[in-house]
Amino acid sequence: MPGPPAVQRKMFSYPAGFVNGNMFMSLFQESMILRLSESHREEFLKVEGAKIFEPMPGRPMREYVAVPPRVMENKKELASWVSRALEYGESLKPKSRTSKPKNAMTNAKRPSPSKKKR
């Protein structure tokens, strides 16, 4: 029985794949990134050129890996890793799509303006 359908949305202004509200793959600049389980991530990081995804230097996203060019060129290997990422995404707790307030102060008490001293 197939799992829930994957949907495409944007993340970091790039196309990304989501399942149950969880991102499992995305493009970012010139890279493809995949979200993998701990065991699959350890296996993937043994591939030459594979690394933990960092959208900004020093800011790793712990479950995500950047796909090296060698894997990108091998369609069968790439499909296998994308499939593992999708399976992992399906295994995660579904996220609800609730809208967040645009302004964090929307539901909080706003501070009163300070009075100037003369």
Protein backbone atom coordinates (compact mmCIF):
# COMPACT_ATOMS: atom_id res chain seq x y z
CA MET A 1 0.00 0.00 0.00
CA PRO A 2 1.56 3.34 -1.00
CA GLY A 3 2.07 5.97 1.66
CA PRO A 4 0.72 9.52 1.65
CA PRO A 5 1.42 11.57 -1.45
CA ALA A 6 4.43 13.83 -1.57
CA VAL A 7 3.76 17.47 -2.37
CA GLN A 8 6.00 20.21 -3.70
CA ARG A 9 6.36 23.49 -1.84
CA LYS A 10 9.10 26.07 -1.51
CA MET A 11 11.77 26.10 1.21
CA PHE A 12 14.53 28.69 1.19
CA SER A 13 12.88 29.89 -2.08
CA TYR A 14 13.74 26.57 -3.77
CA PRO A 15 11.49 23.61 -4.69
CA ALA A 16 11.18 21.04 -1.91
CA GLY A 17 9.35 17.74 -1.40
CA PHE A 18 7.12 17.29 1.66
CA VAL A 19 5.22 14.31 3.00
CA ASN A 20 2.82 14.68 5.94
CA GLY A 21 4.08 18.26 6.25
CA ASN A 22 7.70 17.12 6.73
CA MET A 23 10.38 18.11 4.23
CA PHE A 24 12.29 15.08 2.97
CA MET A 25 14.20 16.59 0.06
CA SER A 26 14.94 19.97 -1.47
CA LEU A 27 17.10 21.91 -3.84
CA PHE A 28 19.27 24.65 -2.36
CA GLN A 29 21.50 26.82 -4.55
CA GLU A 30 23.46 24.25 -6.62
CA SER A 31 22.79 21.35 -4.22
CA MET A 32 20.18 18.72 -3.62
CA ILE A 33 19.54 17.91 0.02
CA LEU A 34 17.93 14.84 1.57
CA ARG A 35 16.57 14.17 5.05
CA LEU A 36 17.71 10.76 6.24
CA SER A 37 17.34 8.60 9.33
CA GLU A 38 20.38 8.40 11.57
CA SER A 39 21.49 5.01 10.23
CA HIS A 40 21.02 6.02 6.58
CA ARG A 41 22.74 9.36 7.23
CA GLU A 42 25.78 7.57 8.70
CA GLU A 43 25.89 5.32 5.62
CA PHE A 44 25.43 8.25 3.22
CA LEU A 45 28.21 10.31 4.82
CA LYS A 46 30.68 7.55 3.87
CA VAL A 47 30.07 8.41 0.19
CA GLU A 48 32.87 10.56 -1.21
CA GLY A 49 31.82 14.23 -1.22
CA ALA A 50 28.74 13.74 0.98
CA LYS A 51 28.34 16.13 3.90
CA ILE A 52 25.88 17.45 6.44
CA PHE A 53 23.78 20.25 4.92
CA GLU A 54 24.58 23.75 6.19
CA PRO A 55 22.38 26.49 4.68
CA MET A 56 24.78 28.96 6.35
CA PRO A 57 28.35 28.11 7.42
CA GLY A 58 28.34 26.85 10.99
CA ARG A 59 24.54 26.26 10.98
CA PRO A 60 24.07 22.56 10.17
CA MET A 61 20.63 21.03 9.77
CA ARG A 62 21.33 17.81 11.63
CA GLU A 63 19.10 15.37 9.70
CA TYR A 64 19.91 16.70 6.24
CA VAL A 65 22.74 15.84 3.90
CA ALA A 66 24.00 17.48 0.71
CA VAL A 67 24.11 15.08 -2.24
CA PRO A 68 27.54 14.98 -3.91
CA PRO A 69 27.85 15.28 -7.73
CA ARG A 70 28.85 11.60 -8.09
CA VAL A 71 25.49 10.48 -6.65
CA MET A 72 23.60 13.09 -8.71
CA GLU A 73 25.10 11.57 -11.89
CA ASN A 74 24.00 8.02 -11.00
CA LYS A 75 20.21 7.96 -11.45
CA LYS A 76 19.76 4.53 -9.87
CA GLU A 77 21.78 5.43 -6.77
CA LEU A 78 20.09 8.82 -6.49
CA ALA A 79 16.63 7.23 -6.76
CA SER A 80 17.56 4.82 -3.97
CA TRP A 81 18.58 7.65 -1.63
CA VAL A 82 15.52 9.75 -2.50
CA SER A 83 13.35 6.72 -1.75
CA ARG A 84 15.00 6.35 1.67
CA ALA A 85 14.45 10.05 2.36
CA LEU A 86 10.76 9.72 1.41
CA GLU A 87 10.36 6.65 3.66
CA TYR A 88 11.94 8.55 6.54
CA GLY A 89 9.67 11.54 5.93
CA GLU A 90 6.64 9.22 5.96
CA SER A 91 7.77 7.77 9.31
CA LEU A 92 7.84 11.17 11.03
CA LYS A 93 4.95 12.56 13.03
CA PRO A 94 2.68 14.53 10.66
CA LYS A 95 2.87 18.29 10.99
CA SER A 96 -0.29 20.33 10.97
CA ARG A 97 -0.41 23.28 8.62
CA THR A 98 -1.49 25.99 11.03
CA SER A 99 -0.74 29.53 10.13
CA LYS A 100 1.64 31.37 12.40
CA PRO A 101 1.08 35.03 13.24
CA LYS A 102 3.00 37.30 10.89
CA ASN A 103 4.05 39.44 13.83
CA ALA A 104 5.25 37.67 16.96
CA MET A 105 3.72 40.46 19.01
CA THR A 106 0.23 39.83 17.60
CA ASN A 107 -0.95 37.78 20.56
CA ALA A 108 1.38 39.26 23.16
CA LYS A 109 0.95 42.39 25.20
CA ARG A 110 2.78 45.19 23.45
CA PRO A 111 5.15 47.25 25.58
CA SER A 112 4.07 50.81 26.16
CA PRO A 113 6.26 53.54 24.66
CA SER A 114 8.79 54.90 27.12
CA LYS A 115 8.46 58.47 28.26
CA LYS A 116 11.28 60.86 27.48
CA LYS A 117 12.94 62.49 30.48
CA ARG A 118 13.68 66.19 30.33
